PDB file of N, CA and C in Angstrom:
ATOM      1  N   MET A   1      -3.401  18.546  -9.452  1.00  0.00           N
ATOM      2  CA  MET A   1      -3.461  17.206  -8.346  1.00  0.00           C
ATOM      3  C   MET A   1      -3.205  15.973  -9.557  1.00  0.00           C
ATOM      4  N   VAL A   2      -2.586  14.736  -8.908  1.00  0.00           N
ATOM      5  CA  VAL A   2      -2.097  13.864 -10.307  1.00  0.00           C
ATOM      6  C   VAL A   2      -3.101  12.507  -9.582  1.00  0.00           C
ATOM      7  N   GLY A   3      -3.601  12.631  -8.096  1.00  0.00           N
ATOM      8  CA  GLY A   3      -4.039  11.789  -7.624  1.00  0.00           C
ATOM      9  C   GLY A   3      -4.101  11.466  -5.973  1.00  0.00           C
ATOM     10  N   ASP A   4      -4.051  10.491  -5.226  1.00  0.00           N
ATOM     11  CA  ASP A   4      -4.289  10.699  -3.930  1.00  0.00           C
ATOM     12  C   ASP A   4      -3.555   9.511  -2.930  1.00  0.00           C
ATOM     13  N   ALA A   5      -3.077   9.695  -1.916  1.00  0.00           N
ATOM     14  CA  ALA A   5      -3.061   8.382  -1.047  1.00  0.00           C
ATOM     15  C   ALA A   5      -2.924   8.940   0.217  1.00  0.00           C
ATOM     16  N   ARG A   6      -3.976   7.667   0.980  1.00  0.00           N
ATOM     17  CA  ARG A   6      -4.030   8.234   2.233  1.00  0.00           C
ATOM     18  C   ARG A   6      -3.778   6.496   2.882  1.00  0.00           C
ATOM     19  N   PHE A   7      -4.147   7.117   4.589  1.00  0.00           N
ATOM     20  CA  PHE A   7      -4.362   5.787   5.572  1.00  0.00           C
ATOM     21  C   PHE A   7      -6.051   5.754   5.225  1.00  0.00           C
ATOM     22  N   LYS A   8      -6.512   4.585   5.412  1.00  0.00           N
ATOM     23  CA  LYS A   8      -7.954   4.172   5.354  1.00  0.00           C
ATOM     24  C   LYS A   8      -8.132   4.135   6.898  1.00  0.00           C
ATOM     25  N   GLY A   9      -8.248   4.729   7.722  1.00  0.00           N
ATOM     26  CA  GLY A   9      -8.199   4.744   9.322  1.00  0.00           C
ATOM     27  C   GLY A   9      -6.972   4.825  10.035  1.00  0.00           C
ATOM     28  N   LYS A  10      -7.362   4.448  11.470  1.00  0.00           N
ATOM     29  CA  LYS A  10      -6.219   4.430  12.245  1.00  0.00           C
ATOM     30  C   LYS A  10      -5.776   2.810  12.350  1.00  0.00           C
ATOM     31  N   PRO A  11      -4.779   2.983  13.175  1.00  0.00           N
ATOM     32  CA  PRO A  11      -4.338   1.060  13.383  1.00  0.00           C
ATOM     33  C   PRO A  11      -4.954   0.671  13.830  1.00  0.00           C
ATOM     34  N   ASP A  12      -5.511  -0.758  13.905  1.00  0.00           N
ATOM     35  CA  ASP A  12      -6.393  -1.682  14.571  1.00  0.00           C
ATOM     36  C   ASP A  12      -5.623  -1.771  15.836  1.00  0.00           C
ATOM     37  N   LEU A  13      -6.607  -2.774  16.653  1.00  0.00           N
ATOM     38  CA  LEU A  13      -5.834  -3.441  17.402  1.00  0.00           C
ATOM     39  C   LEU A  13      -4.486  -4.591  17.030  1.00  0.00           C
ATOM     40  N   GLU A  14      -4.595  -4.910  16.046  1.00  0.00           N
ATOM     41  CA  GLU A  14      -3.222  -5.934  15.795  1.00  0.00           C
ATOM     42  C   GLU A  14      -2.299  -4.773  15.212  1.00  0.00           C
ATOM     43  N   ARG A  15      -2.404  -3.680  15.455  1.00  0.00           N
ATOM     44  CA  ARG A  15      -1.240  -2.713  14.893  1.00  0.00           C
ATOM     45  C   ARG A  15      -1.030  -2.791  13.324  1.00  0.00           C
ATOM     46  N   LYS A  16      -2.204  -2.906  12.718  1.00  0.00           N
ATOM     47  CA  LYS A  16      -2.384  -3.083  11.264  1.00  0.00           C
ATOM     48  C   LYS A  16      -3.071  -1.518  10.530  1.00  0.00           C
ATOM     49  N   VAL A  17      -2.131  -0.923   9.511  1.00  0.00           N
ATOM     50  CA  VAL A  17      -3.259  -0.246   9.173  1.00  0.00           C
ATOM     51  C   VAL A  17      -3.261  -0.243   7.924  1.00  0.00           C
ATOM     52  N   GLU A  18      -4.579   0.436   6.658  1.00  0.00           N
ATOM     53  CA  GLU A  18      -4.443   0.336   5.747  1.00  0.00           C
ATOM     54  C   GLU A  18      -4.352   1.251   5.249  1.00  0.00           C
ATOM     55  N   ILE A  19      -3.638   1.134   3.695  1.00  0.00           N
ATOM     56  CA  ILE A  19      -3.269   2.466   2.616  1.00  0.00           C
ATOM     57  C   ILE A  19      -4.212   2.072   1.547  1.00  0.00           C
ATOM     58  N   GLY A  20      -4.364   3.163   0.623  1.00  0.00           N
ATOM     59  CA  GLY A  20      -5.200   3.004  -0.573  1.00  0.00           C
ATOM     60  C   GLY A  20      -4.626   4.548  -1.234  1.00  0.00           C
ATOM     61  N   TYR A  21      -4.586   4.185  -2.657  1.00  0.00           N
ATOM     62  CA  TYR A  21      -3.952   5.669  -3.218  1.00  0.00           C
ATOM     63  C   TYR A  21      -4.501   5.380  -4.908  1.00  0.00           C
ATOM     64  N   GLY A  22      -4.812   6.503  -5.523  1.00  0.00           N
ATOM     65  CA  GLY A  22      -5.282   6.411  -6.990  1.00  0.00           C
ATOM     66  C   GLY A  22      -4.239   7.627  -7.670  1.00  0.00           C
ATOM     67  N   ILE A  23      -4.316   7.219  -8.877  1.00  0.00           N
ATOM     68  CA  ILE A  23      -3.519   8.069  -9.978  1.00  0.00           C
ATOM     69  C   ILE A  23      -4.384   8.567 -11.030  1.00  0.00           C
ATOM     70  N   ILE A  24      -4.264   9.698 -11.555  1.00  0.00           N
ATOM     71  CA  ILE A  24      -5.145   9.879 -12.984  1.00  0.00           C
ATOM     72  C   ILE A  24      -4.502   9.393 -14.122  1.00  0.00           C
ATOM     73  N   ASP A  25      -5.092   8.730 -14.923  1.00  0.00           N
ATOM     74  CA  ASP A  25      -4.556   8.168 -16.161  1.00  0.00           C
ATOM     75  C   ASP A  25      -3.683   8.576 -16.539  1.00  0.00           C
ATOM     76  N   SER A  26      -3.563  10.052 -16.977  1.00  0.00           N
ATOM     77  CA  SER A  26      -2.522  10.873 -17.773  1.00  0.00           C
ATOM     78  C   SER A  26      -1.199  11.194 -16.883  1.00  0.00           C
ATOM     79  N   ALA A  27      -1.216  10.564 -15.469  1.00  0.00           N
ATOM     80  CA  ALA A  27      -0.069  10.883 -14.693  1.00  0.00           C
ATOM     81  C   ALA A  27       0.672   9.269 -14.445  1.00  0.00           C
ATOM     82  N   ARG A  28      -0.095   8.314 -14.713  1.00  0.00           N
ATOM     83  CA  ARG A  28       0.649   7.075 -14.617  1.00  0.00           C
ATOM     84  C   ARG A  28       1.711   6.466 -15.408  1.00  0.00           C
ATOM     85  N   ASN A  29       2.418   5.484 -14.431  1.00  0.00           N
ATOM     86  CA  ASN A  29       3.879   5.330 -15.312  1.00  0.00           C
ATOM     87  C   ASN A  29       5.024   6.266 -15.267  1.00  0.00           C
ATOM     88  N   GLN A  30       5.153   7.591 -14.106  1.00  0.00           N
ATOM     89  CA  GLN A  30       5.489   8.089 -13.676  1.00  0.00           C
ATOM     90  C   GLN A  30       6.574   7.943 -12.710  1.00  0.00           C
ATOM     91  N   GLY A  31       6.083   6.674 -11.837  1.00  0.00           N
ATOM     92  CA  GLY A  31       6.532   6.859 -10.374  1.00  0.00           C
ATOM     93  C   GLY A  31       5.810   7.383  -9.060  1.00  0.00           C
ATOM     94  N   TYR A  32       4.641   7.867  -9.442  1.00  0.00           N
ATOM     95  CA  TYR A  32       3.874   8.945  -8.527  1.00  0.00           C
ATOM     96  C   TYR A  32       3.449   7.996  -7.718  1.00  0.00           C
ATOM     97  N   ALA A  33       2.507   6.444  -7.589  1.00  0.00           N
ATOM     98  CA  ALA A  33       2.140   5.711  -6.954  1.00  0.00           C
ATOM     99  C   ALA A  33       3.093   5.338  -6.171  1.00  0.00           C
ATOM    100  N   THR A  34       4.208   4.825  -6.930  1.00  0.00           N
ATOM    101  CA  THR A  34       5.344   4.096  -5.992  1.00  0.00           C
ATOM    102  C   THR A  34       5.810   5.271  -5.163  1.00  0.00           C
ATOM    103  N   GLU A  35       6.043   6.494  -5.215  1.00  0.00           N
ATOM    104  CA  GLU A  35       6.758   7.396  -4.263  1.00  0.00           C
ATOM    105  C   GLU A  35       5.697   7.422  -3.007  1.00  0.00           C
ATOM    106  N   ALA A  36       4.373   7.767  -3.555  1.00  0.00           N
ATOM    107  CA  ALA A  36       3.649   7.498  -2.271  1.00  0.00           C
ATOM    108  C   ALA A  36       3.273   6.924  -1.404  1.00  0.00           C
ATOM    109  N   VAL A  37       3.227   5.474  -1.813  1.00  0.00           N
ATOM    110  CA  VAL A  37       3.194   4.509  -1.292  1.00  0.00           C
ATOM    111  C   VAL A  37       4.427   4.067  -0.164  1.00  0.00           C
ATOM    112  N   GLU A  38       5.686   4.530  -0.848  1.00  0.00           N
ATOM    113  CA  GLU A  38       6.720   4.217  -0.134  1.00  0.00           C
ATOM    114  C   GLU A  38       6.658   5.183   1.184  1.00  0.00           C
ATOM    115  N   ALA A  39       6.077   6.370   0.921  1.00  0.00           N
ATOM    116  CA  ALA A  39       6.011   7.459   1.756  1.00  0.00           C
ATOM    117  C   ALA A  39       5.250   6.946   2.830  1.00  0.00           C
ATOM    118  N   LEU A  40       4.017   6.539   2.550  1.00  0.00           N
ATOM    119  CA  LEU A  40       2.974   6.271   3.390  1.00  0.00           C
ATOM    120  C   LEU A  40       3.530   4.954   4.527  1.00  0.00           C
ATOM    121  N   ILE A  41       4.023   3.966   3.692  1.00  0.00           N
ATOM    122  CA  ILE A  41       4.769   2.965   4.598  1.00  0.00           C
ATOM    123  C   ILE A  41       5.935   3.516   5.653  1.00  0.00           C
ATOM    124  N   LYS A  42       6.694   4.502   5.113  1.00  0.00           N
ATOM    125  CA  LYS A  42       7.695   5.157   5.845  1.00  0.00           C
ATOM    126  C   LYS A  42       6.766   5.796   7.124  1.00  0.00           C
ATOM    127  N   TRP A  43       5.966   6.531   6.648  1.00  0.00           N
ATOM    128  CA  TRP A  43       5.231   7.331   7.664  1.00  0.00           C
ATOM    129  C   TRP A  43       4.723   6.581   8.930  1.00  0.00           C
ATOM    130  N   ALA A  44       4.036   5.386   8.298  1.00  0.00           N
ATOM    131  CA  ALA A  44       3.357   4.337   9.401  1.00  0.00           C
ATOM    132  C   ALA A  44       4.258   3.791   9.958  1.00  0.00           C
ATOM    133  N   PHE A  45       5.599   3.527   9.805  1.00  0.00           N
ATOM    134  CA  PHE A  45       6.798   2.749  10.854  1.00  0.00           C
ATOM    135  C   PHE A  45       7.008   3.499  11.486  1.00  0.00           C
ATOM    136  N   ALA A  46       7.161   5.072  11.157  1.00  0.00           N
ATOM    137  CA  ALA A  46       7.628   6.130  12.236  1.00  0.00           C
ATOM    138  C   ALA A  46       6.717   5.910  13.159  1.00  0.00           C
ATOM    139  N   SER A  47       5.448   5.522  13.296  1.00  0.00           N
ATOM    140  CA  SER A  47       4.648   5.531  14.507  1.00  0.00           C
ATOM    141  C   SER A  47       4.898   4.137  15.411  1.00  0.00           C
ATOM    142  N   SER A  48       5.082   4.093  16.593  1.00  0.00           N
ATOM    143  CA  SER A  48       5.241   2.959  17.428  1.00  0.00           C
ATOM    144  C   SER A  48       3.944   2.303  17.408  1.00  0.00           C
ATOM    145  N   TYR A  49       2.563   2.540  17.162  1.00  0.00           N
ATOM    146  CA  TYR A  49       1.450   2.395  17.045  1.00  0.00           C
ATOM    147  C   TYR A  49       1.214   1.065  15.657  1.00  0.00           C
ATOM    148  N   VAL A  50       2.249   0.971  14.640  1.00  0.00           N
ATOM    149  CA  VAL A  50       1.887   0.384  13.435  1.00  0.00           C
ATOM    150  C   VAL A  50       3.068  -0.844  13.612  1.00  0.00           C
ATOM    151  N   ASP A  51       2.786  -2.053  13.322  1.00  0.00           N
ATOM    152  CA  ASP A  51       3.778  -3.024  12.801  1.00  0.00           C
ATOM    153  C   ASP A  51       3.425  -3.495  11.532  1.00  0.00           C
ATOM    154  N   LYS A  52       2.097  -3.403  10.794  1.00  0.00           N
ATOM    155  CA  LYS A  52       1.975  -3.865   9.801  1.00  0.00           C
ATOM    156  C   LYS A  52       1.312  -2.746   9.052  1.00  0.00           C
ATOM    157  N   VAL A  53       1.496  -2.516   7.776  1.00  0.00           N
ATOM    158  CA  VAL A  53       0.604  -1.978   6.704  1.00  0.00           C
ATOM    159  C   VAL A  53       0.172  -2.870   5.530  1.00  0.00           C
ATOM    160  N   ILE A  54      -1.062  -2.694   5.469  1.00  0.00           N
ATOM    161  CA  ILE A  54      -1.969  -3.527   4.361  1.00  0.00           C
ATOM    162  C   ILE A  54      -2.495  -2.814   3.197  1.00  0.00           C
ATOM    163  N   ALA A  55      -2.775  -3.910   2.444  1.00  0.00           N
ATOM    164  CA  ALA A  55      -3.809  -3.186   0.915  1.00  0.00           C
ATOM    165  C   ALA A  55      -4.237  -3.806   0.316  1.00  0.00           C
ATOM    166  N   GLU A  56      -4.966  -3.619  -0.968  1.00  0.00           N
ATOM    167  CA  GLU A  56      -5.742  -4.458  -1.329  1.00  0.00           C
ATOM    168  C   GLU A  56      -5.816  -3.746  -2.955  1.00  0.00           C
ATOM    169  N   CYS A  57      -6.199  -4.748  -3.903  1.00  0.00           N
ATOM    170  CA  CYS A  57      -6.263  -4.388  -4.880  1.00  0.00           C
ATOM    171  C   CYS A  57      -6.696  -5.458  -6.191  1.00  0.00           C
ATOM    172  N   PHE A  58      -7.998  -5.295  -6.886  1.00  0.00           N
ATOM    173  CA  PHE A  58      -8.177  -5.928  -8.010  1.00  0.00           C
ATOM    174  C   PHE A  58      -7.249  -7.186  -7.967  1.00  0.00           C
ATOM    175  N   VAL A  59      -7.787  -8.286  -8.652  1.00  0.00           N
ATOM    176  CA  VAL A  59      -6.701  -9.040  -9.228  1.00  0.00           C
ATOM    177  C   VAL A  59      -6.382  -8.951 -10.741  1.00  0.00           C
ATOM    178  N   THR A  60      -6.700  -8.288 -11.484  1.00  0.00           N
ATOM    179  CA  THR A  60      -7.276  -7.531 -12.403  1.00  0.00           C
ATOM    180  C   THR A  60      -5.972  -6.069 -12.717  1.00  0.00           C
ATOM    181  N   ASN A  61      -5.553  -5.799 -11.656  1.00  0.00           N
ATOM    182  CA  ASN A  61      -5.059  -4.042 -11.535  1.00  0.00           C
ATOM    183  C   ASN A  61      -3.578  -4.454 -11.850  1.00  0.00           C
ATOM    184  N   LEU A  62      -3.280  -4.666 -12.885  1.00  0.00           N
ATOM    185  CA  LEU A  62      -1.851  -4.951 -13.342  1.00  0.00           C
ATOM    186  C   LEU A  62      -0.807  -3.385 -12.585  1.00  0.00           C
ATOM    187  N   PRO A  63      -1.097  -2.620 -12.871  1.00  0.00           N
ATOM    188  CA  PRO A  63      -0.367  -1.319 -12.600  1.00  0.00           C
ATOM    189  C   PRO A  63      -0.288  -1.363 -10.893  1.00  0.00           C
ATOM    190  N   SER A  64      -1.309  -1.416 -10.092  1.00  0.00           N
ATOM    191  CA  SER A  64      -1.207  -1.509  -8.208  1.00  0.00           C
ATOM    192  C   SER A  64      -0.176  -2.772  -8.302  1.00  0.00           C
ATOM    193  N   ILE A  65      -0.356  -3.964  -8.846  1.00  0.00           N
ATOM    194  CA  ILE A  65       0.452  -5.069  -8.502  1.00  0.00           C
ATOM    195  C   ILE A  65       1.954  -4.620  -8.590  1.00  0.00           C
ATOM    196  N   LYS A  66       2.296  -4.088  -9.851  1.00  0.00           N
ATOM    197  CA  LYS A  66       3.436  -3.833  -9.909  1.00  0.00           C
ATOM    198  C   LYS A  66       4.217  -2.691  -8.603  1.00  0.00           C
ATOM    199  N   VAL A  67       3.134  -1.615  -8.588  1.00  0.00           N
ATOM    200  CA  VAL A  67       3.613  -0.818  -7.329  1.00  0.00           C
ATOM    201  C   VAL A  67       3.890  -1.572  -5.790  1.00  0.00           C
ATOM    202  N   LEU A  68       2.924  -2.374  -5.676  1.00  0.00           N
ATOM    203  CA  LEU A  68       3.025  -3.128  -4.460  1.00  0.00           C
ATOM    204  C   LEU A  68       4.059  -4.225  -4.242  1.00  0.00           C
ATOM    205  N   GLU A  69       4.408  -4.638  -5.568  1.00  0.00           N
ATOM    206  CA  GLU A  69       5.927  -5.568  -5.320  1.00  0.00           C
ATOM    207  C   GLU A  69       7.019  -4.825  -5.261  1.00  0.00           C
ATOM    208  N   LYS A  70       7.020  -3.700  -6.078  1.00  0.00           N
ATOM    209  CA  LYS A  70       8.309  -2.806  -5.977  1.00  0.00           C
ATOM    210  C   LYS A  70       8.405  -2.317  -4.656  1.00  0.00           C
ATOM    211  N   VAL A  71       7.310  -2.263  -4.045  1.00  0.00           N
ATOM    212  CA  VAL A  71       8.004  -1.450  -2.407  1.00  0.00           C
ATOM    213  C   VAL A  71       8.056  -2.374  -1.805  1.00  0.00           C
ATOM    214  N   GLY A  72       7.861  -3.684  -1.916  1.00  0.00           N
ATOM    215  CA  GLY A  72       8.416  -4.883  -1.175  1.00  0.00           C
ATOM    216  C   GLY A  72       7.096  -5.356  -0.179  1.00  0.00           C
ATOM    217  N   MET A  73       5.709  -5.045  -0.645  1.00  0.00           N
ATOM    218  CA  MET A  73       4.678  -5.691  -0.042  1.00  0.00           C
ATOM    219  C   MET A  73       4.364  -7.331  -0.743  1.00  0.00           C
ATOM    220  N   SER A  74       3.908  -8.252   0.353  1.00  0.00           N
ATOM    221  CA  SER A  74       3.811  -9.267  -0.207  1.00  0.00           C
ATOM    222  C   SER A  74       2.465  -9.652  -0.322  1.00  0.00           C
ATOM    223  N   ARG A  75       1.529 -10.604  -1.333  1.00  0.00           N
ATOM    224  CA  ARG A  75       0.587 -10.816  -1.377  1.00  0.00           C
ATOM    225  C   ARG A  75       0.048 -11.734  -0.246  1.00  0.00           C
ATOM    226  N   ILE A  76      -0.890 -11.709   0.361  1.00  0.00           N
ATOM    227  CA  ILE A  76      -1.093 -12.892   1.552  1.00  0.00           C
ATOM    228  C   ILE A  76      -2.515 -12.995   1.429  1.00  0.00           C
ATOM    229  N   ALA A  77      -2.925 -12.744   0.292  1.00  0.00           N
ATOM    230  CA  ALA A  77      -4.718 -13.957   0.343  1.00  0.00           C
ATOM    231  C   ALA A  77      -5.255 -13.317  -0.823  1.00  0.00           C
ATOM    232  N   VAL A  78      -6.002 -14.235  -1.565  1.00  0.00           N
ATOM    233  CA  VAL A  78      -7.300 -13.552  -2.577  1.00  0.00           C
ATOM    234  C   VAL A  78      -8.318 -14.057  -1.755  1.00  0.00           C
ATOM    235  N   GLU A  79      -9.111 -12.979  -1.782  1.00  0.00           N
ATOM    236  CA  GLU A  79     -10.808 -12.920  -1.626  1.00  0.00           C
ATOM    237  C   GLU A  79     -11.901 -12.644  -2.416  1.00  0.00           C
ATOM    238  N   LYS A  80     -12.407 -13.129  -3.428  1.00  0.00           N
ATOM    239  CA  LYS A  80     -13.116 -13.275  -4.266  1.00  0.00           C
ATOM    240  C   LYS A  80     -12.425 -12.616  -5.541  1.00  0.00           C
ATOM    241  N   ASN A  81     -12.370 -10.971  -6.089  1.00  0.00           N
ATOM    242  CA  ASN A  81     -11.531 -10.429  -7.214  1.00  0.00           C
ATOM    243  C   ASN A  81     -10.491  -9.682  -6.433  1.00  0.00           C
ATOM    244  N   MET A  82      -9.968  -9.798  -5.370  1.00  0.00           N
ATOM    245  CA  MET A  82      -9.315  -8.937  -4.407  1.00  0.00           C
ATOM    246  C   MET A  82      -8.074  -9.332  -4.127  1.00  0.00           C
ATOM    247  N   LEU A  83      -6.920  -9.007  -4.254  1.00  0.00           N
ATOM    248  CA  LEU A  83      -5.395  -9.512  -3.622  1.00  0.00           C
ATOM    249  C   LEU A  83      -5.525  -8.664  -2.580  1.00  0.00           C
ATOM    250  N   LYS A  84      -4.766  -9.114  -1.225  1.00  0.00           N
ATOM    251  CA  LYS A  84      -4.724  -8.868   0.200  1.00  0.00           C
ATOM    252  C   LYS A  84      -2.923  -8.735  -0.095  1.00  0.00           C
ATOM    253  N   TRP A  85      -2.761  -7.452   0.622  1.00  0.00           N
ATOM    254  CA  TRP A  85      -1.197  -7.364   0.560  1.00  0.00           C
ATOM    255  C   TRP A  85      -0.779  -7.117   1.884  1.00  0.00           C
ATOM    256  N   GLU A  86       0.441  -7.326   2.320  1.00  0.00           N
ATOM    257  CA  GLU A  86       0.989  -6.665   3.655  1.00  0.00           C
ATOM    258  C   GLU A  86       2.745  -6.703   3.530  1.00  0.00           C
ATOM    259  N   ILE A  87       3.112  -5.449   4.518  1.00  0.00           N
ATOM    260  CA  ILE A  87       4.639  -5.166   4.837  1.00  0.00           C
ATOM    261  C   ILE A  87       4.786  -5.190   6.153  1.00  0.00           C
ATOM    262  N   SER A  88       5.617  -5.793   6.855  1.00  0.00           N
ATOM    263  CA  SER A  88       5.704  -5.419   8.119  1.00  0.00           C
ATOM    264  C   SER A  88       6.434  -5.023   8.390  1.00  0.00           C
ATOM    265  N   ARG A  89       6.679  -4.192   9.421  1.00  0.00           N
ATOM    266  CA  ARG A  89       8.054  -3.247  10.211  1.00  0.00           C
ATOM    267  C   ARG A  89       9.482  -4.125  10.190  1.00  0.00           C
ATOM    268  N   MET A  90       9.322  -5.210  10.319  1.00  0.00           N
ATOM    269  CA  MET A  90      10.417  -6.353  10.156  1.00  0.00           C
ATOM    270  C   MET A  90      11.004  -6.292   8.928  1.00  0.00           C
ATOM    271  N   SER A  91      10.420  -6.338   7.759  1.00  0.00           N
ATOM    272  CA  SER A  91      10.882  -6.530   6.288  1.00  0.00           C
ATOM    273  C   SER A  91      11.207  -5.057   5.743  1.00  0.00           C
ATOM    274  N   VAL A  92      11.150  -4.121   6.308  1.00  0.00           N
ATOM    275  CA  VAL A  92      11.611  -2.879   5.713  1.00  0.00           C
ATOM    276  C   VAL A  92      13.144  -2.374   5.868  1.00  0.00           C
ATOM    277  N   LYS A  93      13.619  -2.040   5.260  1.00  0.00           N
ATOM    278  CA  LYS A  93      15.130  -2.372   5.043  1.00  0.00           C
ATOM    279  C   LYS A  93      15.277  -0.715   5.962  1.00  0.00           C
TER     280      LYS A  93
END
């Protein structure tokens, strides 16, 4: 196992679902996180119950920032030391 990727619960009343992921140090920079996040987004939008996928990462976590940018997520807020991200069904090609 090189890491995990998951939904952090069911879609909420605003039709948003949060994702989370982690990759072990020795498996980083090989595209696993990007592939996993893309798959979660695709899977989420296959459901009629989801209109937005959200995520968060520490402001200092450059690898995660790169992953979330690469998959097309947009920064929507900074809260304390966390960046908040989202992608909507309408923005996915």
